Amino acid sequence: CLPATPACKLLLLWLTELQIDSYEFAEPKDIIPELKKDFWDGLAAAKWSERKAALTTLKELAAYPRLANGDYADVNRELKKIITKGSNINVSDWGVGRGLVVMEAVFCGQVCWA
């Protein structure tokens, strides 16, 4: 279309307002197999730095736009332990943020889209 025509201006305006959701185009990714023994040991570690490293791993994996449906109960159970008894506020904050992402992915994957 010609840039000066009203139809073209309308089309350009519509295209600039169009927001593309990466969730719609992303293939579901299963992150459960990528949570190795080091991750689980890190969550149970006494040192907060090791727990934070494990949560950072989870954060990186959960940052993918679309998580596959799966059994995230073990992950959520461990995050609940960190949140409820974690005395280090930084580690608890990481757990809360990532836990909500994982729980939302599970809930929406199994309920909203089912």
PDB file of N, CA and C in Angstrom:
ATOM      1  N   CYS A   1       0.830  -1.173   0.000  1.00  0.00           N
ATOM      2  CA  CYS A   1       0.000   0.000   0.000  1.00  0.00           C
ATOM      3  C   CYS A   1       0.883   1.247   0.000  1.00  0.00           C
ATOM      4  N   LEU A   2       0.336   2.304  -0.433  1.00  0.00           N
ATOM      5  CA  LEU A   2       1.079   3.557  -0.474  1.00  0.00           C
ATOM      6  C   LEU A   2       1.053   4.199   0.909  1.00  0.00           C
ATOM      7  N   PRO A   3       2.174   4.737   1.369  1.00  0.00           N
ATOM      8  CA  PRO A   3       2.231   5.283   2.721  1.00  0.00           C
ATOM      9  C   PRO A   3       1.275   6.442   2.966  1.00  0.00           C
ATOM     10  N   ALA A   4       0.870   7.139   1.943  1.00  0.00           N
ATOM     11  CA  ALA A   4       0.020   8.319   2.144  1.00  0.00           C
ATOM     12  C   ALA A   4      -1.466   7.980   2.174  1.00  0.00           C
ATOM     13  N   THR A   5      -1.843   6.787   1.796  1.00  0.00           N
ATOM     14  CA  THR A   5      -3.261   6.453   1.746  1.00  0.00           C
ATOM     15  C   THR A   5      -3.808   6.191   3.150  1.00  0.00           C
ATOM     16  N   PRO A   6      -5.077   6.529   3.371  1.00  0.00           N
ATOM     17  CA  PRO A   6      -5.680   6.295   4.691  1.00  0.00           C
ATOM     18  C   PRO A   6      -5.690   4.812   5.078  1.00  0.00           C
ATOM     19  N   ALA A   7      -5.888   3.940   4.095  1.00  0.00           N
ATOM     20  CA  ALA A   7      -5.916   2.504   4.398  1.00  0.00           C
ATOM     21  C   ALA A   7      -4.549   2.033   4.894  1.00  0.00           C
ATOM     22  N   CYS A   8      -3.506   2.533   4.288  1.00  0.00           N
ATOM     23  CA  CYS A   8      -2.153   2.146   4.703  1.00  0.00           C
ATOM     24  C   CYS A   8      -1.838   2.699   6.089  1.00  0.00           C
ATOM     25  N   LYS A   9      -2.254   3.919   6.356  1.00  0.00           N
ATOM     26  CA  LYS A   9      -2.032   4.497   7.678  1.00  0.00           C
ATOM     27  C   LYS A   9      -2.762   3.692   8.744  1.00  0.00           C
ATOM     28  N   LEU A  10      -3.977   3.275   8.427  1.00  0.00           N
ATOM     29  CA  LEU A  10      -4.746   2.463   9.358  1.00  0.00           C
ATOM     30  C   LEU A  10      -4.073   1.117   9.587  1.00  0.00           C
ATOM     31  N   LEU A  11      -3.580   0.495   8.520  1.00  0.00           N
ATOM     32  CA  LEU A  11      -2.886  -0.780   8.634  1.00  0.00           C
ATOM     33  C   LEU A  11      -1.621  -0.638   9.476  1.00  0.00           C
ATOM     34  N   LEU A  12      -0.849   0.413   9.256  1.00  0.00           N
ATOM     35  CA  LEU A  12       0.358   0.624  10.044  1.00  0.00           C
ATOM     36  C   LEU A  12       0.032   0.870  11.506  1.00  0.00           C
ATOM     37  N   LEU A  13      -1.020   1.610  11.786  1.00  0.00           N
ATOM     38  CA  LEU A  13      -1.449   1.852  13.157  1.00  0.00           C
ATOM     39  C   LEU A  13      -1.856   0.539  13.821  1.00  0.00           C
ATOM     40  N   TRP A  14      -2.598  -0.285  13.093  1.00  0.00           N
ATOM     41  CA  TRP A  14      -3.034  -1.565  13.631  1.00  0.00           C
ATOM     42  C   TRP A  14      -1.833  -2.473  13.920  1.00  0.00           C
ATOM     43  N   LEU A  15      -0.853  -2.497  13.012  1.00  0.00           N
ATOM     44  CA  LEU A  15       0.324  -3.344  13.198  1.00  0.00           C
ATOM     45  C   LEU A  15       1.180  -2.878  14.367  1.00  0.00           C
ATOM     46  N   THR A  16       1.247  -1.583  14.609  1.00  0.00           N
ATOM     47  CA  THR A  16       2.043  -1.101  15.742  1.00  0.00           C
ATOM     48  C   THR A  16       1.365  -1.400  17.071  1.00  0.00           C
ATOM     49  N   GLU A  17       0.049  -1.500  17.078  1.00  0.00           N
ATOM     50  CA  GLU A  17      -0.669  -1.799  18.316  1.00  0.00           C
ATOM     51  C   GLU A  17      -0.798  -3.298  18.568  1.00  0.00           C
ATOM     52  N   LEU A  18      -0.527  -4.092  17.561  1.00  0.00           N
ATOM     53  CA  LEU A  18      -0.624  -5.538  17.688  1.00  0.00           C
ATOM     54  C   LEU A  18       0.480  -6.053  18.617  1.00  0.00           C
ATOM     55  N   GLN A  19       0.094  -6.777  19.614  1.00  0.00           N
ATOM     56  CA  GLN A  19       1.061  -7.353  20.525  1.00  0.00           C
ATOM     57  C   GLN A  19       1.061  -8.858  20.332  1.00  0.00           C
ATOM     58  N   ILE A  20       2.233  -9.390  20.104  1.00  0.00           N
ATOM     59  CA  ILE A  20       2.365 -10.821  19.876  1.00  0.00           C
ATOM     60  C   ILE A  20       2.794 -11.474  21.179  1.00  0.00           C
ATOM     61  N   ASP A  21       2.046 -12.470  21.594  1.00  0.00           N
ATOM     62  CA  ASP A  21       2.341 -13.198  22.811  1.00  0.00           C
ATOM     63  C   ASP A  21       3.254 -14.366  22.469  1.00  0.00           C
ATOM     64  N   SER A  22       4.436 -14.385  23.065  1.00  0.00           N
ATOM     65  CA  SER A  22       5.395 -15.451  22.759  1.00  0.00           C
ATOM     66  C   SER A  22       4.866 -16.816  23.185  1.00  0.00           C
ATOM     67  N   TYR A  23       3.946 -16.856  24.136  1.00  0.00           N
ATOM     68  CA  TYR A  23       3.365 -18.127  24.583  1.00  0.00           C
ATOM     69  C   TYR A  23       2.671 -18.847  23.429  1.00  0.00           C
ATOM     70  N   GLU A  24       1.997 -18.085  22.586  1.00  0.00           N
ATOM     71  CA  GLU A  24       1.233 -18.678  21.495  1.00  0.00           C
ATOM     72  C   GLU A  24       2.113 -19.402  20.485  1.00  0.00           C
ATOM     73  N   PHE A  25       3.349 -18.934  20.303  1.00  0.00           N
ATOM     74  CA  PHE A  25       4.215 -19.496  19.269  1.00  0.00           C
ATOM     75  C   PHE A  25       5.274 -20.448  19.814  1.00  0.00           C
ATOM     76  N   ALA A  26       5.434 -20.489  21.113  1.00  0.00           N
ATOM     77  CA  ALA A  26       6.464 -21.341  21.701  1.00  0.00           C
ATOM     78  C   ALA A  26       5.970 -22.776  21.826  1.00  0.00           C
ATOM     79  N   GLU A  27       6.877 -23.687  21.576  1.00  0.00           N
ATOM     80  CA  GLU A  27       6.585 -25.102  21.785  1.00  0.00           C
ATOM     81  C   GLU A  27       6.708 -25.388  23.287  1.00  0.00           C
ATOM     82  N   PRO A  28       5.835 -26.228  23.841  1.00  0.00           N
ATOM     83  CA  PRO A  28       5.947 -26.552  25.263  1.00  0.00           C
ATOM     84  C   PRO A  28       7.291 -27.212  25.577  1.00  0.00           C
ATOM     85  N   LYS A  29       7.896 -26.782  26.672  1.00  0.00           N
ATOM     86  CA  LYS A  29       9.201 -27.322  27.083  1.00  0.00           C
ATOM     87  C   LYS A  29       9.040 -28.007  28.430  1.00  0.00           C
ATOM     88  N   ASP A  30       9.497 -29.237  28.510  1.00  0.00           N
ATOM     89  CA  ASP A  30       9.441 -29.998  29.751  1.00  0.00           C
ATOM     90  C   ASP A  30      10.723 -29.731  30.538  1.00  0.00           C
ATOM     91  N   ILE A  31      10.607 -29.054  31.667  1.00  0.00           N
ATOM     92  CA  ILE A  31      11.794 -28.710  32.447  1.00  0.00           C
ATOM     93  C   ILE A  31      12.097 -29.728  33.546  1.00  0.00           C
ATOM     94  N   ILE A  32      11.167 -30.625  33.815  1.00  0.00           N
ATOM     95  CA  ILE A  32      11.365 -31.606  34.894  1.00  0.00           C
ATOM     96  C   ILE A  32      12.611 -32.470  34.663  1.00  0.00           C
ATOM     97  N   PRO A  33      12.842 -33.010  33.452  1.00  0.00           N
ATOM     98  CA  PRO A  33      14.046 -33.828  33.266  1.00  0.00           C
ATOM     99  C   PRO A  33      15.347 -33.027  33.402  1.00  0.00           C
ATOM    100  N   GLU A  34      15.271 -31.716  33.245  1.00  0.00           N
ATOM    101  CA  GLU A  34      16.468 -30.893  33.343  1.00  0.00           C
ATOM    102  C   GLU A  34      16.828 -30.552  34.789  1.00  0.00           C
ATOM    103  N   LEU A  35      15.955 -30.894  35.725  1.00  0.00           N
ATOM    104  CA  LEU A  35      16.248 -30.674  37.141  1.00  0.00           C
ATOM    105  C   LEU A  35      17.026 -31.886  37.655  1.00  0.00           C
ATOM    106  N   LYS A  36      18.318 -31.755  37.623  1.00  0.00           N
ATOM    107  CA  LYS A  36      19.215 -32.863  37.976  1.00  0.00           C
ATOM    108  C   LYS A  36      19.328 -33.010  39.488  1.00  0.00           C
ATOM    109  N   LYS A  37      20.088 -34.020  39.910  1.00  0.00           N
ATOM    110  CA  LYS A  37      20.294 -34.293  41.328  1.00  0.00           C
ATOM    111  C   LYS A  37      20.907 -33.087  42.036  1.00  0.00           C
ATOM    112  N   ASP A  38      21.774 -32.348  41.366  1.00  0.00           N
ATOM    113  CA  ASP A  38      22.382 -31.154  41.971  1.00  0.00           C
ATOM    114  C   ASP A  38      21.324 -30.133  42.372  1.00  0.00           C
ATOM    115  N   PHE A  39      20.277 -30.006  41.569  1.00  0.00           N
ATOM    116  CA  PHE A  39      19.202 -29.078  41.882  1.00  0.00           C
ATOM    117  C   PHE A  39      18.513 -29.485  43.179  1.00  0.00           C
ATOM    118  N   TRP A  40      18.135 -30.740  43.287  1.00  0.00           N
ATOM    119  CA  TRP A  40      17.413 -31.223  44.468  1.00  0.00           C
ATOM    120  C   TRP A  40      18.306 -31.160  45.708  1.00  0.00           C
ATOM    121  N   ASP A  41      19.596 -31.496  45.544  1.00  0.00           N
ATOM    122  CA  ASP A  41      20.527 -31.395  46.670  1.00  0.00           C
ATOM    123  C   ASP A  41      20.709 -29.938  47.086  1.00  0.00           C
ATOM    124  N   GLY A  42      20.717 -29.039  46.106  1.00  0.00           N
ATOM    125  CA  GLY A  42      20.865 -27.613  46.401  1.00  0.00           C
ATOM    126  C   GLY A  42      19.690 -27.059  47.185  1.00  0.00           C
ATOM    127  N   LEU A  43      18.485 -27.502  46.861  1.00  0.00           N
ATOM    128  CA  LEU A  43      17.303 -27.042  47.601  1.00  0.00           C
ATOM    129  C   LEU A  43      17.324 -27.497  49.050  1.00  0.00           C
ATOM    130  N   ALA A  44      17.899 -28.661  49.294  1.00  0.00           N
ATOM    131  CA  ALA A  44      17.938 -29.214  50.654  1.00  0.00           C
ATOM    132  C   ALA A  44      19.199 -28.808  51.412  1.00  0.00           C
ATOM    133  N   ALA A  45      20.093 -28.063  50.792  1.00  0.00           N
ATOM    134  CA  ALA A  45      21.365 -27.704  51.410  1.00  0.00           C
ATOM    135  C   ALA A  45      21.161 -26.773  52.596  1.00  0.00           C
ATOM    136  N   ALA A  46      22.102 -26.832  53.522  1.00  0.00           N
ATOM    137  CA  ALA A  46      22.045 -25.959  54.698  1.00  0.00           C
ATOM    138  C   ALA A  46      22.503 -24.544  54.358  1.00  0.00           C
ATOM    139  N   LYS A  47      23.404 -24.417  53.417  1.00  0.00           N
ATOM    140  CA  LYS A  47      23.916 -23.087  53.060  1.00  0.00           C
ATOM    141  C   LYS A  47      22.931 -22.384  52.132  1.00  0.00           C
ATOM    142  N   TRP A  48      22.640 -21.135  52.455  1.00  0.00           N
ATOM    143  CA  TRP A  48      21.684 -20.376  51.646  1.00  0.00           C
ATOM    144  C   TRP A  48      22.216 -20.121  50.249  1.00  0.00           C
ATOM    145  N   SER A  49      23.525 -20.034  50.078  1.00  0.00           N
ATOM    146  CA  SER A  49      24.087 -19.786  48.751  1.00  0.00           C
ATOM    147  C   SER A  49      23.820 -20.966  47.814  1.00  0.00           C
ATOM    148  N   GLU A  50      23.832 -22.179  48.362  1.00  0.00           N
ATOM    149  CA  GLU A  50      23.533 -23.358  47.545  1.00  0.00           C
ATOM    150  C   GLU A  50      22.049 -23.409  47.189  1.00  0.00           C
ATOM    151  N   ARG A  51      21.195 -23.018  48.149  1.00  0.00           N
ATOM    152  CA  ARG A  51      19.753 -22.975  47.857  1.00  0.00           C
ATOM    153  C   ARG A  51      19.462 -21.924  46.793  1.00  0.00           C
ATOM    154  N   LYS A  52      20.129 -20.787  46.897  1.00  0.00           N
ATOM    155  CA  LYS A  52      19.921 -19.728  45.917  1.00  0.00           C
ATOM    156  C   LYS A  52      20.404 -20.178  44.536  1.00  0.00           C
ATOM    157  N   ALA A  53      21.499 -20.900  44.468  1.00  0.00           N
ATOM    158  CA  ALA A  53      21.996 -21.406  43.184  1.00  0.00           C
ATOM    159  C   ALA A  53      20.988 -22.360  42.554  1.00  0.00           C
ATOM    160  N   ALA A  54      20.380 -23.212  43.387  1.00  0.00           N
ATOM    161  CA  ALA A  54      19.366 -24.136  42.873  1.00  0.00           C
ATOM    162  C   ALA A  54      18.150 -23.371  42.366  1.00  0.00           C
ATOM    163  N   LEU A  55      17.738 -22.341  43.106  1.00  0.00           N
ATOM    164  CA  LEU A  55      16.600 -21.536  42.673  1.00  0.00           C
ATOM    165  C   LEU A  55      16.912 -20.740  41.412  1.00  0.00           C
ATOM    166  N   THR A  56      18.153 -20.345  41.259  1.00  0.00           N
ATOM    167  CA  THR A  56      18.564 -19.652  40.037  1.00  0.00           C
ATOM    168  C   THR A  56      18.446 -20.592  38.842  1.00  0.00           C
ATOM    169  N   THR A  57      18.810 -21.843  39.034  1.00  0.00           N
ATOM    170  CA  THR A  57      18.644 -22.841  37.972  1.00  0.00           C
ATOM    171  C   THR A  57      17.175 -22.961  37.586  1.00  0.00           C
ATOM    172  N   LEU A  58      16.316 -23.033  38.597  1.00  0.00           N
ATOM    173  CA  LEU A  58      14.873 -23.124  38.340  1.00  0.00           C
ATOM    174  C   LEU A  58      14.373 -21.867  37.638  1.00  0.00           C
ATOM    175  N   LYS A  59      14.857 -20.735  38.060  1.00  0.00           N
ATOM    176  CA  LYS A  59      14.444 -19.470  37.441  1.00  0.00           C
ATOM    177  C   LYS A  59      14.792 -19.451  35.956  1.00  0.00           C
ATOM    178  N   GLU A  60      15.988 -19.886  35.628  1.00  0.00           N
ATOM    179  CA  GLU A  60      16.415 -19.915  34.231  1.00  0.00           C
ATOM    180  C   GLU A  60      15.560 -20.873  33.408  1.00  0.00           C
ATOM    181  N   LEU A  61      15.249 -22.028  33.970  1.00  0.00           N
ATOM    182  CA  LEU A  61      14.423 -22.996  33.248  1.00  0.00           C
ATOM    183  C   LEU A  61      12.982 -22.512  33.122  1.00  0.00           C
ATOM    184  N   ALA A  62      12.446 -21.909  34.184  1.00  0.00           N
ATOM    185  CA  ALA A  62      11.053 -21.458  34.178  1.00  0.00           C
ATOM    186  C   ALA A  62      10.858 -20.182  33.376  1.00  0.00           C
ATOM    187  N   ALA A  63      11.940 -19.556  32.930  1.00  0.00           N
ATOM    188  CA  ALA A  63      11.823 -18.329  32.139  1.00  0.00           C
ATOM    189  C   ALA A  63      11.354 -18.606  30.714  1.00  0.00           C
ATOM    190  N   TYR A  64      11.362 -19.866  30.315  1.00  0.00           N
ATOM    191  CA  TYR A  64      10.876 -20.226  28.981  1.00  0.00           C
ATOM    192  C   TYR A  64       9.402 -19.846  28.892  1.00  0.00           C
ATOM    193  N   PRO A  65       8.968 -19.294  27.763  1.00  0.00           N
ATOM    194  CA  PRO A  65       7.595 -18.769  27.680  1.00  0.00           C
ATOM    195  C   PRO A  65       6.483 -19.790  27.904  1.00  0.00           C
ATOM    196  N   ARG A  66       6.728 -21.044  27.569  1.00  0.00           N
ATOM    197  CA  ARG A  66       5.639 -22.034  27.669  1.00  0.00           C
ATOM    198  C   ARG A  66       6.185 -23.341  28.223  1.00  0.00           C
ATOM    199  N   LEU A  67       5.756 -23.669  29.431  1.00  0.00           N
ATOM    200  CA  LEU A  67       6.181 -24.915  30.054  1.00  0.00           C
ATOM    201  C   LEU A  67       5.178 -26.012  29.734  1.00  0.00           C
ATOM    202  N   ALA A  68       5.708 -27.203  29.539  1.00  0.00           N
ATOM    203  CA  ALA A  68       4.850 -28.350  29.238  1.00  0.00           C
ATOM    204  C   ALA A  68       4.093 -28.766  30.494  1.00  0.00           C
ATOM    205  N   ASN A  69       2.934 -29.354  30.276  1.00  0.00           N
ATOM    206  CA  ASN A  69       2.191 -29.926  31.392  1.00  0.00           C
ATOM    207  C   ASN A  69       3.030 -31.034  31.993  1.00  0.00           C
ATOM    208  N   GLY A  70       2.995 -31.131  33.282  1.00  0.00           N
ATOM    209  CA  GLY A  70       3.773 -32.168  33.937  1.00  0.00           C
ATOM    210  C   GLY A  70       3.466 -32.196  35.417  1.00  0.00           C
ATOM    211  N   ASP A  71       4.156 -33.064  36.113  1.00  0.00           N
ATOM    212  CA  ASP A  71       3.971 -33.201  37.545  1.00  0.00           C
ATOM    213  C   ASP A  71       4.994 -32.310  38.254  1.00  0.00           C
ATOM    214  N   TYR A  72       4.560 -31.114  38.620  1.00  0.00           N
ATOM    215  CA  TYR A  72       5.423 -30.150  39.289  1.00  0.00           C
ATOM    216  C   TYR A  72       5.207 -30.172  40.806  1.00  0.00           C
ATOM    217  N   ALA A  73       4.546 -31.193  41.298  1.00  0.00           N
ATOM    218  CA  ALA A  73       4.223 -31.258  42.730  1.00  0.00           C
ATOM    219  C   ALA A  73       5.482 -31.284  43.585  1.00  0.00           C
ATOM    220  N   ASP A  74       6.486 -32.060  43.176  1.00  0.00           N
ATOM    221  CA  ASP A  74       7.722 -32.135  43.964  1.00  0.00           C
ATOM    222  C   ASP A  74       8.430 -30.787  44.015  1.00  0.00           C
ATOM    223  N   VAL A  75       8.455 -30.091  42.885  1.00  0.00           N
ATOM    224  CA  VAL A  75       9.086 -28.768  42.835  1.00  0.00           C
ATOM    225  C   VAL A  75       8.343 -27.821  43.764  1.00  0.00           C
ATOM    226  N   ASN A  76       7.034 -27.791  43.661  1.00  0.00           N
ATOM    227  CA  ASN A  76       6.243 -26.897  44.494  1.00  0.00           C
ATOM    228  C   ASN A  76       6.356 -27.242  45.982  1.00  0.00           C
ATOM    229  N   ARG A  77       6.435 -28.518  46.291  1.00  0.00           N
ATOM    230  CA  ARG A  77       6.579 -28.942  47.689  1.00  0.00           C
ATOM    231  C   ARG A  77       7.900 -28.434  48.269  1.00  0.00           C
ATOM    232  N   GLU A  78       8.978 -28.547  47.486  1.00  0.00           N
ATOM    233  CA  GLU A  78      10.276 -28.073  47.954  1.00  0.00           C
ATOM    234  C   GLU A  78      10.312 -26.553  48.063  1.00  0.00           C
ATOM    235  N   LEU A  79       9.654 -25.877  47.126  1.00  0.00           N
ATOM    236  CA  LEU A  79       9.594 -24.413  47.203  1.00  0.00           C
ATOM    237  C   LEU A  79       8.808 -23.972  48.434  1.00  0.00           C
ATOM    238  N   LYS A  80       7.768 -24.714  48.758  1.00  0.00           N
ATOM    239  CA  LYS A  80       6.982 -24.388  49.954  1.00  0.00           C
ATOM    240  C   LYS A  80       7.842 -24.506  51.205  1.00  0.00           C
ATOM    241  N   LYS A  81       8.692 -25.530  51.253  1.00  0.00           N
ATOM    242  CA  LYS A  81       9.582 -25.688  52.406  1.00  0.00           C
ATOM    243  C   LYS A  81      10.518 -24.492  52.539  1.00  0.00           C
ATOM    244  N   ILE A  82      11.065 -24.055  51.419  1.00  0.00           N
ATOM    245  CA  ILE A  82      11.988 -22.920  51.449  1.00  0.00           C
ATOM    246  C   ILE A  82      11.267 -21.657  51.890  1.00  0.00           C
ATOM    247  N   ILE A  83      10.065 -21.472  51.386  1.00  0.00           N
ATOM    248  CA  ILE A  83       9.316 -20.256  51.699  1.00  0.00           C
ATOM    249  C   ILE A  83       8.885 -20.242  53.162  1.00  0.00           C
ATOM    250  N   THR A  84       8.395 -21.370  53.667  1.00  0.00           N
ATOM    251  CA  THR A  84       7.843 -21.377  55.015  1.00  0.00           C
ATOM    252  C   THR A  84       8.905 -21.379  56.108  1.00  0.00           C
ATOM    253  N   LYS A  85      10.025 -22.045  55.874  1.00  0.00           N
ATOM    254  CA  LYS A  85      11.027 -22.084  56.940  1.00  0.00           C
ATOM    255  C   LYS A  85      12.312 -21.350  56.573  1.00  0.00           C
ATOM    256  N   GLY A  86      12.334 -20.711  55.419  1.00  0.00           N
ATOM    257  CA  GLY A  86      13.540 -19.993  55.015  1.00  0.00           C
ATOM    258  C   GLY A  86      13.717 -18.718  55.816  1.00  0.00           C
ATOM    259  N   SER A  87      14.824 -18.635  56.546  1.00  0.00           N
ATOM    260  CA  SER A  87      15.080 -17.431  57.333  1.00  0.00           C
ATOM    261  C   SER A  87      15.765 -16.360  56.489  1.00  0.00           C
ATOM    262  N   ASN A  88      16.372 -16.763  55.379  1.00  0.00           N
ATOM    263  CA  ASN A  88      17.024 -15.790  54.504  1.00  0.00           C
ATOM    264  C   ASN A  88      15.974 -15.236  53.545  1.00  0.00           C
ATOM    265  N   ILE A  89      15.682 -13.967  53.671  1.00  0.00           N
ATOM    266  CA  ILE A  89      14.607 -13.353  52.890  1.00  0.00           C
ATOM    267  C   ILE A  89      14.903 -13.378  51.391  1.00  0.00           C
ATOM    268  N   ASN A  90      16.171 -13.272  51.017  1.00  0.00           N
ATOM    269  CA  ASN A  90      16.509 -13.292  49.587  1.00  0.00           C
ATOM    270  C   ASN A  90      16.172 -14.630  48.953  1.00  0.00           C
ATOM    271  N   VAL A  91      16.515 -15.703  49.622  1.00  0.00           N
ATOM    272  CA  VAL A  91      16.214 -17.036  49.095  1.00  0.00           C
ATOM    273  C   VAL A  91      14.710 -17.258  49.072  1.00  0.00           C
ATOM    274  N   SER A  92      14.015 -16.812  50.111  1.00  0.00           N
ATOM    275  CA  SER A  92      12.559 -16.971  50.143  1.00  0.00           C
ATOM    276  C   SER A  92      11.899 -16.180  49.023  1.00  0.00           C
ATOM    277  N   ASP A  93      12.388 -14.977  48.762  1.00  0.00           N
ATOM    278  CA  ASP A  93      11.842 -14.179  47.658  1.00  0.00           C
ATOM    279  C   ASP A  93      12.025 -14.892  46.330  1.00  0.00           C
ATOM    280  N   TRP A  94      13.186 -15.473  46.112  1.00  0.00           N
ATOM    281  CA  TRP A  94      13.428 -16.208  44.868  1.00  0.00           C
ATOM    282  C   TRP A  94      12.461 -17.375  44.772  1.00  0.00           C
ATOM    283  N   GLY A  95      12.250 -18.043  45.896  1.00  0.00           N
ATOM    284  CA  GLY A  95      11.337 -19.180  45.900  1.00  0.00           C
ATOM    285  C   GLY A  95       9.914 -18.769  45.611  1.00  0.00           C
ATOM    286  N   VAL A  96       9.473 -17.667  46.191  1.00  0.00           N
ATOM    287  CA  VAL A  96       8.110 -17.197  45.964  1.00  0.00           C
ATOM    288  C   VAL A  96       7.913 -16.863  44.494  1.00  0.00           C
ATOM    289  N   GLY A  97       8.823 -16.100  43.931  1.00  0.00           N
ATOM    290  CA  GLY A  97       8.679 -15.687  42.533  1.00  0.00           C
ATOM    291  C   GLY A  97       8.674 -16.857  41.578  1.00  0.00           C
ATOM    292  N   ARG A  98       9.612 -17.761  41.717  1.00  0.00           N
ATOM    293  CA  ARG A  98       9.709 -18.888  40.803  1.00  0.00           C
ATOM    294  C   ARG A  98       8.589 -19.880  41.072  1.00  0.00           C
ATOM    295  N   GLY A  99       8.221 -20.024  42.334  1.00  0.00           N
ATOM    296  CA  GLY A  99       7.136 -20.952  42.654  1.00  0.00           C
ATOM    297  C   GLY A  99       5.832 -20.525  42.026  1.00  0.00           C
ATOM    298  N   LEU A 100       5.570 -19.236  42.036  1.00  0.00           N
ATOM    299  CA  LEU A 100       4.340 -18.749  41.421  1.00  0.00           C
ATOM    300  C   LEU A 100       4.345 -18.987  39.923  1.00  0.00           C
ATOM    301  N   VAL A 101       5.501 -18.822  39.288  1.00  0.00           N
ATOM    302  CA  VAL A 101       5.592 -19.067  37.848  1.00  0.00           C
ATOM    303  C   VAL A 101       5.302 -20.534  37.542  1.00  0.00           C
ATOM    304  N   VAL A 102       5.926 -21.420  38.296  1.00  0.00           N
ATOM    305  CA  VAL A 102       5.737 -22.850  38.048  1.00  0.00           C
ATOM    306  C   VAL A 102       4.300 -23.258  38.354  1.00  0.00           C
ATOM    307  N   MET A 103       3.740 -22.797  39.485  1.00  0.00           N
ATOM    308  CA  MET A 103       2.366 -23.168  39.833  1.00  0.00           C
ATOM    309  C   MET A 103       1.372 -22.623  38.819  1.00  0.00           C
ATOM    310  N   GLU A 104       1.615 -21.405  38.322  1.00  0.00           N
ATOM    311  CA  GLU A 104       0.729 -20.840  37.307  1.00  0.00           C
ATOM    312  C   GLU A 104       0.797 -21.663  36.025  1.00  0.00           C
ATOM    313  N   ALA A 105       2.002 -22.078  35.648  1.00  0.00           N
ATOM    314  CA  ALA A 105       2.155 -22.874  34.431  1.00  0.00           C
ATOM    315  C   ALA A 105       1.422 -24.203  34.563  1.00  0.00           C
ATOM    316  N   VAL A 106       1.522 -24.824  35.726  1.00  0.00           N
ATOM    317  CA  VAL A 106       0.846 -26.103  35.949  1.00  0.00           C
ATOM    318  C   VAL A 106      -0.657 -25.906  35.947  1.00  0.00           C
ATOM    319  N   PHE A 107      -1.135 -24.909  36.702  1.00  0.00           N
ATOM    320  CA  PHE A 107      -2.573 -24.682  36.804  1.00  0.00           C
ATOM    321  C   PHE A 107      -3.166 -24.338  35.458  1.00  0.00           C
ATOM    322  N   CYS A 108      -2.570 -23.395  34.756  1.00  0.00           N
ATOM    323  CA  CYS A 108      -3.116 -22.984  33.474  1.00  0.00           C
ATOM    324  C   CYS A 108      -2.974 -24.084  32.427  1.00  0.00           C
ATOM    325  N   GLY A 109      -1.903 -24.825  32.505  1.00  0.00           N
ATOM    326  CA  GLY A 109      -1.713 -25.912  31.538  1.00  0.00           C
ATOM    327  C   GLY A 109      -2.719 -27.021  31.718  1.00  0.00           C
ATOM    328  N   GLN A 110      -3.122 -27.286  32.957  1.00  0.00           N
ATOM    329  CA  GLN A 110      -4.016 -28.397  33.210  1.00  0.00           C
ATOM    330  C   GLN A 110      -5.478 -27.987  33.326  1.00  0.00           C
ATOM    331  N   VAL A 111      -5.734 -26.756  33.714  1.00  0.00           N
ATOM    332  CA  VAL A 111      -7.124 -26.340  33.925  1.00  0.00           C
ATOM    333  C   VAL A 111      -7.592 -25.404  32.819  1.00  0.00           C
ATOM    334  N   CYS A 112      -6.829 -24.336  32.595  1.00  0.00           N
ATOM    335  CA  CYS A 112      -7.280 -23.314  31.645  1.00  0.00           C
ATOM    336  C   CYS A 112      -7.343 -23.842  30.208  1.00  0.00           C
ATOM    337  N   TRP A 113      -6.358 -24.631  29.832  1.00  0.00           N
ATOM    338  CA  TRP A 113      -6.267 -25.060  28.441  1.00  0.00           C
ATOM    339  C   TRP A 113      -6.770 -26.488  28.226  1.00  0.00           C
ATOM    340  N   ALA A 114      -7.210 -27.129  29.272  1.00  0.00           N
ATOM    341  CA  ALA A 114      -7.640 -28.519  29.144  1.00  0.00           C
ATOM    342  C   ALA A 114      -8.996 -28.609  28.467  1.00  0.00           C
TER     343      ALA A 114
END
